[in-house]
């Protein structure tokens, strides 16, 4: 699995700014499946500013996989075109066949952002717990850069504290900057000030970050790094922003 995402070589930590608040998105129709009669889920792949609900076109991904119990299933052929936030995106149907914690991993085609004069490549993942299984949610997939959850990434209440560890080449990334945004799908919330659209936290010396989720829905965590190698745009070498992105669902308790 690691070799699929090694194409850009070693990475160096780089500071993030508000201008970099793009998010690769992998959003399933649910993060927990308990009923075997409702085992088919829909996954939506897109690229956006999720809090502001501003979409960007996503070319067909280079790779899309499901990882469960250490085994990888290729899903690229299951993708069909879709529209998210008015832009080109992708969807897939997937049937959960056995108990397990499924990690769905997206490697997109690098996106050139003219405003930043650089490419963006977000390695994004999310989790589904199937049929009561909870083992394995803290197991790294083996990406060039990724966030390994230290809090179970499903079955969480809004208001819970979420922790994750940023890895680069399999090693903790001390002091990494992590940007956080809410998927404002129903446009139910508005940031009081522009600076609050993207929340920002720093990882500690072990690459561990902490965030208290304020309201229910899907939340994205993006740890940004810069690739050592560059890609060419119109014949000119340009830097590549790598993002380790994790999406997790937080829910409100039901009232009796």
C-alpha atoms as a PDB file:
ATOM      1  CA  UNK A   1       0.000   0.000   0.000  1.00  0.00           C
ATOM      2  CA  UNK A   2       2.834   2.433   0.866  1.00  0.00           C
ATOM      3  CA  UNK A   3       4.374   2.161  -2.586  1.00  0.00           C
ATOM      4  CA  UNK A   4       1.229   3.521  -4.258  1.00  0.00           C
ATOM      5  CA  UNK A   5       1.677   6.862  -2.518  1.00  0.00           C
ATOM      6  CA  UNK A   6       5.493   7.119  -2.621  1.00  0.00           C
ATOM      7  CA  UNK A   7       5.615   8.867  -5.967  1.00  0.00           C
ATOM      8  CA  UNK A   8       6.598  12.220  -4.503  1.00  0.00           C
ATOM      9  CA  UNK A   9       9.441  10.984  -2.298  1.00  0.00           C
ATOM     10  CA  UNK A  10      10.444  12.413   1.048  1.00  0.00           C
ATOM     11  CA  UNK A  11       8.476  15.306   2.528  1.00  0.00           C
ATOM     12  CA  UNK A  12       9.418  18.257   4.665  1.00  0.00           C
ATOM     13  CA  UNK A  13       7.128  19.929   7.180  1.00  0.00           C
ATOM     14  CA  UNK A  14       5.797  23.267   6.030  1.00  0.00           C
ATOM     15  CA  UNK A  15       3.641  25.865   7.777  1.00  0.00           C
ATOM     16  CA  UNK A  16      -0.003  26.206   6.787  1.00  0.00           C
ATOM     17  CA  UNK A  17      -1.923  29.393   6.164  1.00  0.00           C
ATOM     18  CA  UNK A  18      -5.560  30.261   5.714  1.00  0.00           C
ATOM     19  CA  UNK A  19      -5.036  30.295   1.939  1.00  0.00           C
ATOM     20  CA  UNK A  20      -4.316  26.552   2.051  1.00  0.00           C
ATOM     21  CA  UNK A  21      -7.681  25.570   3.509  1.00  0.00           C
ATOM     22  CA  UNK A  22      -8.613  23.120   0.775  1.00  0.00           C
ATOM     23  CA  UNK A  23      -9.825  19.659   1.754  1.00  0.00           C
ATOM     24  CA  UNK A  24      -9.872  16.398  -0.122  1.00  0.00           C
ATOM     25  CA  UNK A  25     -13.108  14.718   0.979  1.00  0.00           C
ATOM     26  CA  UNK A  26     -14.224  11.096   1.363  1.00  0.00           C
ATOM     27  CA  UNK A  27     -17.694  11.130   2.934  1.00  0.00           C
ATOM     28  CA  UNK A  28     -19.706   7.905   3.376  1.00  0.00           C
ATOM     29  CA  UNK A  29     -23.461   7.866   3.843  1.00  0.00           C
ATOM     30  CA  UNK A  30     -22.808   6.660   7.403  1.00  0.00           C
ATOM     31  CA  UNK A  31     -19.814   5.907   9.603  1.00  0.00           C
ATOM     32  CA  UNK A  32     -21.467   3.024  11.466  1.00  0.00           C
ATOM     33  CA  UNK A  33     -23.385   0.103   9.931  1.00  0.00           C
ATOM     34  CA  UNK A  34     -25.128  -2.285  12.321  1.00  0.00           C
ATOM     35  CA  UNK A  35     -27.853  -3.863  10.179  1.00  0.00           C
ATOM     36  CA  UNK A  36     -26.641  -6.460   7.648  1.00  0.00           C
ATOM     37  CA  UNK A  37     -29.738  -5.718   5.574  1.00  0.00           C
ATOM     38  CA  UNK A  38     -28.465  -2.159   5.097  1.00  0.00           C
ATOM     39  CA  UNK A  39     -24.866  -3.030   4.293  1.00  0.00           C
ATOM     40  CA  UNK A  40     -24.502  -0.985   1.097  1.00  0.00           C
ATOM     41  CA  UNK A  41     -23.102   2.490   1.619  1.00  0.00           C
ATOM     42  CA  UNK A  42     -22.487   5.374  -0.740  1.00  0.00           C
ATOM     43  CA  UNK A  43     -19.149   7.188  -0.694  1.00  0.00           C
ATOM     44  CA  UNK A  44     -18.752  10.690  -2.122  1.00  0.00           C
ATOM     45  CA  UNK A  45     -15.335  11.939  -3.221  1.00  0.00           C
ATOM     46  CA  UNK A  46     -14.826  15.659  -3.755  1.00  0.00           C
ATOM     47  CA  UNK A  47     -12.497  18.614  -3.280  1.00  0.00           C
ATOM     48  CA  UNK A  48     -13.653  21.813  -1.602  1.00  0.00           C
ATOM     49  CA  UNK A  49     -13.684  24.488   1.043  1.00  0.00           C
ATOM     50  CA  UNK A  50     -16.216  22.517   3.137  1.00  0.00           C
ATOM     51  CA  UNK A  51     -17.276  25.173   5.663  1.00  0.00           C
ATOM     52  CA  UNK A  52     -17.982  27.780   2.984  1.00  0.00           C
ATOM     53  CA  UNK A  53     -19.438  25.094   0.688  1.00  0.00           C
ATOM     54  CA  UNK A  54     -17.284  26.192  -2.237  1.00  0.00           C
ATOM     55  CA  UNK A  55     -16.417  23.293  -4.500  1.00  0.00           C
ATOM     56  CA  UNK A  56     -13.569  22.696  -6.919  1.00  0.00           C
ATOM     57  CA  UNK A  57     -13.503  20.298  -9.829  1.00  0.00           C
ATOM     58  CA  UNK A  58     -11.923  16.924  -9.096  1.00  0.00           C
ATOM     59  CA  UNK A  59     -10.402  14.917 -11.933  1.00  0.00           C
ATOM     60  CA  UNK A  60     -10.758  11.161 -11.751  1.00  0.00           C
ATOM     61  CA  UNK A  61      -8.608   9.977  -8.804  1.00  0.00           C
ATOM     62  CA  UNK A  62      -5.402   8.034  -9.295  1.00  0.00           C
ATOM     63  CA  UNK A  63      -6.402   5.527  -6.612  1.00  0.00           C
ATOM     64  CA  UNK A  64      -9.336   4.684  -4.369  1.00  0.00           C
ATOM     65  CA  UNK A  65      -9.140   1.731  -1.973  1.00  0.00           C
ATOM     66  CA  UNK A  66     -10.808  -0.005   0.942  1.00  0.00           C
ATOM     67  CA  UNK A  67      -8.542  -1.465   3.617  1.00  0.00           C
ATOM     68  CA  UNK A  68      -9.899  -3.922   6.209  1.00  0.00           C
ATOM     69  CA  UNK A  69      -8.042  -6.466   8.362  1.00  0.00           C
ATOM     70  CA  UNK A  70      -4.831  -5.553   6.557  1.00  0.00           C
ATOM     71  CA  UNK A  71      -6.208  -6.416   3.114  1.00  0.00           C
ATOM     72  CA  UNK A  72      -6.645  -3.878   0.322  1.00  0.00           C
ATOM     73  CA  UNK A  73      -9.442  -3.811  -2.239  1.00  0.00           C
ATOM     74  CA  UNK A  74      -9.121  -1.619  -5.335  1.00  0.00           C
ATOM     75  CA  UNK A  75     -12.252   0.493  -5.897  1.00  0.00           C
ATOM     76  CA  UNK A  76     -11.240   2.880  -8.662  1.00  0.00           C
ATOM     77  CA  UNK A  77     -13.367   1.014 -11.191  1.00  0.00           C
ATOM     78  CA  UNK A  78     -16.492   1.532  -9.075  1.00  0.00           C
ATOM     79  CA  UNK A  79     -16.380   5.329  -9.313  1.00  0.00           C
ATOM     80  CA  UNK A  80     -19.030   7.180 -11.315  1.00  0.00           C
ATOM     81  CA  UNK A  81     -19.174  10.918 -12.043  1.00  0.00           C
ATOM     82  CA  UNK A  82     -21.162  13.094  -9.641  1.00  0.00           C
ATOM     83  CA  UNK A  83     -21.700  16.747  -8.804  1.00  0.00           C
ATOM     84  CA  UNK A  84     -20.847  18.170  -5.372  1.00  0.00           C
ATOM     85  CA  UNK A  85     -21.158  21.884  -4.588  1.00  0.00           C
ATOM     86  CA  UNK A  86     -21.755  22.446  -8.297  1.00  0.00           C
ATOM     87  CA  UNK A  87     -18.422  20.909  -9.329  1.00  0.00           C
ATOM     88  CA  UNK A  88     -17.226  17.631 -10.809  1.00  0.00           C
ATOM     89  CA  UNK A  89     -16.873  14.908  -8.177  1.00  0.00           C
ATOM     90  CA  UNK A  90     -17.199  11.120  -7.837  1.00  0.00           C
ATOM     91  CA  UNK A  91     -19.358   8.558  -6.075  1.00  0.00           C
ATOM     92  CA  UNK A  92     -19.192   4.831  -5.424  1.00  0.00           C
ATOM     93  CA  UNK A  93     -21.427   2.168  -3.923  1.00  0.00           C
ATOM     94  CA  UNK A  94     -19.785  -0.331  -1.604  1.00  0.00           C
ATOM     95  CA  UNK A  95     -21.272  -3.352   0.163  1.00  0.00           C
ATOM     96  CA  UNK A  96     -19.796  -4.285   3.526  1.00  0.00           C
ATOM     97  CA  UNK A  97     -19.496  -8.053   3.483  1.00  0.00           C
ATOM     98  CA  UNK A  98     -18.076  -8.867   6.918  1.00  0.00           C
ATOM     99  CA  UNK A  99     -17.490  -7.301  10.337  1.00  0.00           C
ATOM    100  CA  UNK A 100     -14.528  -4.957  10.464  1.00  0.00           C
ATOM    101  CA  UNK A 101     -13.252  -1.402  10.508  1.00  0.00           C
ATOM    102  CA  UNK A 102     -13.041  -0.294   6.888  1.00  0.00           C
ATOM    103  CA  UNK A 103     -10.624   2.473   5.926  1.00  0.00           C
ATOM    104  CA  UNK A 104     -11.436   4.151   2.615  1.00  0.00           C
ATOM    105  CA  UNK A 105      -8.416   5.881   1.090  1.00  0.00           C
ATOM    106  CA  UNK A 106      -8.345   8.410  -1.753  1.00  0.00           C
ATOM    107  CA  UNK A 107      -5.320   9.523  -3.795  1.00  0.00           C
ATOM    108  CA  UNK A 108      -6.459  12.240  -6.202  1.00  0.00           C
ATOM    109  CA  UNK A 109      -4.819  13.554  -9.318  1.00  0.00           C
ATOM    110  CA  UNK A 110      -2.677  16.562  -8.258  1.00  0.00           C
ATOM    111  CA  UNK A 111      -4.652  19.816  -8.505  1.00  0.00           C
ATOM    112  CA  UNK A 112      -2.939  23.035  -9.576  1.00  0.00           C
ATOM    113  CA  UNK A 113      -4.053  26.060  -7.544  1.00  0.00           C
ATOM    114  CA  UNK A 114      -3.242  29.277  -9.454  1.00  0.00           C
ATOM    115  CA  UNK A 115      -3.804  31.460  -6.375  1.00  0.00           C
ATOM    116  CA  UNK A 116      -0.998  29.635  -4.581  1.00  0.00           C
ATOM    117  CA  UNK A 117       1.111  28.833  -7.650  1.00  0.00           C
ATOM    118  CA  UNK A 118       1.408  25.258  -6.441  1.00  0.00           C
ATOM    119  CA  UNK A 119      -0.096  21.798  -6.741  1.00  0.00           C
ATOM    120  CA  UNK A 120      -2.281  20.280  -4.033  1.00  0.00           C
ATOM    121  CA  UNK A 121      -2.348  16.538  -3.346  1.00  0.00           C
ATOM    122  CA  UNK A 122      -4.439  15.404  -0.395  1.00  0.00           C
ATOM    123  CA  UNK A 123      -4.271  11.760   0.700  1.00  0.00           C
ATOM    124  CA  UNK A 124      -7.677  11.491   2.334  1.00  0.00           C
ATOM    125  CA  UNK A 125      -9.328   8.736   4.328  1.00  0.00           C
ATOM    126  CA  UNK A 126     -12.381   7.930   6.405  1.00  0.00           C
ATOM    127  CA  UNK A 127     -13.660   5.000   8.463  1.00  0.00           C
ATOM    128  CA  UNK A 128     -16.746   2.808   8.672  1.00  0.00           C
ATOM    129  CA  UNK A 129     -17.398   0.395  11.530  1.00  0.00           C
ATOM    130  CA  UNK A 130     -19.315  -2.625  10.238  1.00  0.00           C
ATOM    131  CA  UNK A 131     -21.520  -4.932  12.330  1.00  0.00           C
ATOM    132  CA  UNK A 132     -20.159  -4.010  15.746  1.00  0.00           C
ATOM    133  CA  UNK A 133     -16.461  -4.425  14.938  1.00  0.00           C
ATOM    134  CA  UNK A 134     -14.117  -1.858  16.516  1.00  0.00           C
ATOM    135  CA  UNK A 135     -10.664  -3.403  16.147  1.00  0.00           C
ATOM    136  CA  UNK A 136      -8.048  -1.816  13.932  1.00  0.00           C
ATOM    137  CA  UNK A 137      -9.141   1.818  13.749  1.00  0.00           C
ATOM    138  CA  UNK A 138      -5.732   2.953  15.063  1.00  0.00           C
ATOM    139  CA  UNK A 139      -3.745   0.988  12.465  1.00  0.00           C
ATOM    140  CA  UNK A 140      -1.840   3.123   9.911  1.00  0.00           C
ATOM    141  CA  UNK A 141      -2.540   2.403   6.257  1.00  0.00           C
ATOM    142  CA  UNK A 142       1.065   3.163   5.289  1.00  0.00           C
ATOM    143  CA  UNK A 143       0.640   6.383   3.308  1.00  0.00           C
ATOM    144  CA  UNK A 144       3.459   8.835   2.652  1.00  0.00           C
ATOM    145  CA  UNK A 145       1.696  11.104   5.121  1.00  0.00           C
ATOM    146  CA  UNK A 146      -1.388  10.314   7.201  1.00  0.00           C
ATOM    147  CA  UNK A 147      -3.257  11.043  10.403  1.00  0.00           C
ATOM    148  CA  UNK A 148      -3.603   8.028  12.691  1.00  0.00           C
ATOM    149  CA  UNK A 149      -6.566   8.535  15.039  1.00  0.00           C
ATOM    150  CA  UNK A 150      -5.959   8.257  18.771  1.00  0.00           C
ATOM    151  CA  UNK A 151      -9.670   8.757  19.385  1.00  0.00           C
ATOM    152  CA  UNK A 152     -11.988   6.182  17.821  1.00  0.00           C
ATOM    153  CA  UNK A 153     -12.972   7.875  14.520  1.00  0.00           C
ATOM    154  CA  UNK A 154     -16.623   6.785  14.640  1.00  0.00           C
ATOM    155  CA  UNK A 155     -19.336   6.454  17.279  1.00  0.00           C
ATOM    156  CA  UNK A 156     -18.524   9.861  18.770  1.00  0.00           C
ATOM    157  CA  UNK A 157     -20.748  12.564  20.209  1.00  0.00           C
ATOM    158  CA  UNK A 158     -20.464  16.181  19.152  1.00  0.00           C
ATOM    159  CA  UNK A 159     -18.535  17.867  21.944  1.00  0.00           C
ATOM    160  CA  UNK A 160     -16.068  15.006  22.291  1.00  0.00           C
ATOM    161  CA  UNK A 161     -12.352  15.677  22.144  1.00  0.00           C
ATOM    162  CA  UNK A 162     -10.645  14.181  19.107  1.00  0.00           C
ATOM    163  CA  UNK A 163      -6.951  13.310  18.996  1.00  0.00           C
ATOM    164  CA  UNK A 164      -4.775  12.143  16.135  1.00  0.00           C
ATOM    165  CA  UNK A 165      -1.102  11.632  15.370  1.00  0.00           C
ATOM    166  CA  UNK A 166       0.444  13.078  12.221  1.00  0.00           C
ATOM    167  CA  UNK A 167       2.885  10.735  10.488  1.00  0.00           C
ATOM    168  CA  UNK A 168       5.296  11.590   7.671  1.00  0.00           C
ATOM    169  CA  UNK A 169       7.079   8.608   6.136  1.00  0.00           C
ATOM    170  CA  UNK A 170       5.733   6.564   9.041  1.00  0.00           C
ATOM    171  CA  UNK A 171       7.320   8.786  11.692  1.00  0.00           C
ATOM    172  CA  UNK A 172       5.678  11.358  14.013  1.00  0.00           C
ATOM    173  CA  UNK A 173       5.704  14.916  12.689  1.00  0.00           C
ATOM    174  CA  UNK A 174       6.514  17.197  15.656  1.00  0.00           C
ATOM    175  CA  UNK A 175       4.859  20.617  15.611  1.00  0.00           C
ATOM    176  CA  UNK A 176       2.777  19.871  12.519  1.00  0.00           C
ATOM    177  CA  UNK A 177       0.032  22.377  11.751  1.00  0.00           C
ATOM    178  CA  UNK A 178      -3.432  20.832  11.425  1.00  0.00           C
ATOM    179  CA  UNK A 179      -6.310  22.681   9.764  1.00  0.00           C
ATOM    180  CA  UNK A 180      -9.850  21.691  10.698  1.00  0.00           C
ATOM    181  CA  UNK A 181     -13.137  22.431   8.960  1.00  0.00           C
ATOM    182  CA  UNK A 182     -16.767  21.422   9.274  1.00  0.00           C
ATOM    183  CA  UNK A 183     -18.629  20.018   6.276  1.00  0.00           C
ATOM    184  CA  UNK A 184     -21.434  22.588   6.293  1.00  0.00           C
ATOM    185  CA  UNK A 185     -23.628  20.443   4.061  1.00  0.00           C
ATOM    186  CA  UNK A 186     -26.946  21.883   5.242  1.00  0.00           C
ATOM    187  CA  UNK A 187     -25.501  25.396   5.574  1.00  0.00           C
ATOM    188  CA  UNK A 188     -26.694  25.318   9.168  1.00  0.00           C
ATOM    189  CA  UNK A 189     -23.775  27.303  10.567  1.00  0.00           C
ATOM    190  CA  UNK A 190     -21.947  30.508   9.747  1.00  0.00           C
ATOM    191  CA  UNK A 191     -18.578  31.618  11.041  1.00  0.00           C
ATOM    192  CA  UNK A 192     -18.876  34.860  13.052  1.00  0.00           C
ATOM    193  CA  UNK A 193     -15.588  36.020  11.516  1.00  0.00           C
ATOM    194  CA  UNK A 194     -13.664  34.862   8.441  1.00  0.00           C
ATOM    195  CA  UNK A 195     -10.731  33.717  10.538  1.00  0.00           C
ATOM    196  CA  UNK A 196     -13.000  31.160  12.232  1.00  0.00           C
ATOM    197  CA  UNK A 197     -13.894  29.279   9.041  1.00  0.00           C
ATOM    198  CA  UNK A 198     -10.761  27.159   9.384  1.00  0.00           C
ATOM    199  CA  UNK A 199      -9.723  26.107  12.863  1.00  0.00           C
ATOM    200  CA  UNK A 200      -5.992  25.551  13.447  1.00  0.00           C
ATOM    201  CA  UNK A 201      -4.116  23.497  16.037  1.00  0.00           C
ATOM    202  CA  UNK A 202      -0.485  22.459  16.427  1.00  0.00           C
ATOM    203  CA  UNK A 203       0.740  18.949  17.090  1.00  0.00           C
ATOM    204  CA  UNK A 204       3.064  18.351  20.029  1.00  0.00           C
ATOM    205  CA  UNK A 205       6.591  16.921  19.869  1.00  0.00           C
ATOM    206  CA  UNK A 206       5.111  13.478  19.151  1.00  0.00           C
ATOM    207  CA  UNK A 207       2.935  14.710  16.289  1.00  0.00           C
ATOM    208  CA  UNK A 208      -0.226  14.462  18.425  1.00  0.00           C
ATOM    209  CA  UNK A 209      -2.960  17.090  18.110  1.00  0.00           C
ATOM    210  CA  UNK A 210      -6.184  17.633  20.058  1.00  0.00           C
ATOM    211  CA  UNK A 211      -9.476  19.311  19.081  1.00  0.00           C
ATOM    212  CA  UNK A 212     -12.855  19.557  20.832  1.00  0.00           C
ATOM    213  CA  UNK A 213     -15.608  19.209  18.209  1.00  0.00           C
ATOM    214  CA  UNK A 214     -18.330  21.831  18.879  1.00  0.00           C
ATOM    215  CA  UNK A 215     -21.317  20.594  16.867  1.00  0.00           C
ATOM    216  CA  UNK A 216     -22.565  17.480  15.047  1.00  0.00           C
ATOM    217  CA  UNK A 217     -21.686  16.457  11.511  1.00  0.00           C
ATOM    218  CA  UNK A 218     -18.611  15.551   9.498  1.00  0.00           C
ATOM    219  CA  UNK A 219     -15.302  17.159  10.429  1.00  0.00           C
ATOM    220  CA  UNK A 220     -12.105  17.176   8.368  1.00  0.00           C
ATOM    221  CA  UNK A 221      -8.582  17.280   9.824  1.00  0.00           C
ATOM    222  CA  UNK A 222      -5.776  18.184   7.409  1.00  0.00           C
ATOM    223  CA  UNK A 223      -2.067  18.077   8.309  1.00  0.00           C
ATOM    224  CA  UNK A 224      -0.114  19.849   5.578  1.00  0.00           C
ATOM    225  CA  UNK A 225       3.407  19.160   4.345  1.00  0.00           C
ATOM    226  CA  UNK A 226       5.422  20.119   1.278  1.00  0.00           C
ATOM    227  CA  UNK A 227       6.875  17.531  -1.080  1.00  0.00           C
ATOM    228  CA  UNK A 228      10.617  17.551  -1.692  1.00  0.00           C
ATOM    229  CA  UNK A 229      10.036  17.011  -5.401  1.00  0.00           C
ATOM    230  CA  UNK A 230       8.134  19.418  -7.645  1.00  0.00           C
ATOM    231  CA  UNK A 231       5.685  18.900 -10.496  1.00  0.00           C
ATOM    232  CA  UNK A 232       5.652  20.859 -13.734  1.00  0.00           C
ATOM    233  CA  UNK A 233       2.876  23.236 -14.764  1.00  0.00           C
ATOM    234  CA  UNK A 234       3.191  24.769 -18.227  1.00  0.00           C
ATOM    235  CA  UNK A 235       6.763  23.533 -18.254  1.00  0.00           C
ATOM    236  CA  UNK A 236       7.714  25.204 -14.972  1.00  0.00           C
ATOM    237  CA  UNK A 237       8.457  23.277 -11.728  1.00  0.00           C
ATOM    238  CA  UNK A 238       5.944  24.057  -8.974  1.00  0.00           C
ATOM    239  CA  UNK A 239       5.823  23.050  -5.294  1.00  0.00           C
ATOM    240  CA  UNK A 240       3.386  20.364  -4.148  1.00  0.00           C
ATOM    241  CA  UNK A 241       1.340  20.653  -0.969  1.00  0.00           C
ATOM    242  CA  UNK A 242       0.693  17.219   0.531  1.00  0.00           C
ATOM    243  CA  UNK A 243      -2.212  16.873   2.908  1.00  0.00           C
ATOM    244  CA  UNK A 244      -2.844  14.044   5.353  1.00  0.00           C
ATOM    245  CA  UNK A 245      -6.624  14.314   5.644  1.00  0.00           C
ATOM    246  CA  UNK A 246      -8.958  12.405   7.942  1.00  0.00           C
ATOM    247  CA  UNK A 247     -12.753  12.720   8.020  1.00  0.00           C
ATOM    248  CA  UNK A 248     -14.796  11.659  11.054  1.00  0.00           C
ATOM    249  CA  UNK A 249     -18.479  11.904  11.951  1.00  0.00           C
ATOM    250  CA  UNK A 250     -19.734  13.280  15.262  1.00  0.00           C
ATOM    251  CA  UNK A 251     -23.396  12.939  16.209  1.00  0.00           C
ATOM    252  CA  UNK A 252     -25.854  14.507  18.622  1.00  0.00           C
ATOM    253  CA  UNK A 253     -27.467  12.209  21.217  1.00  0.00           C
ATOM    254  CA  UNK A 254     -31.096  11.279  20.652  1.00  0.00           C
ATOM    255  CA  UNK A 255     -33.667  12.653  23.049  1.00  0.00           C
ATOM    256  CA  UNK A 256     -36.320  10.395  24.534  1.00  0.00           C
END
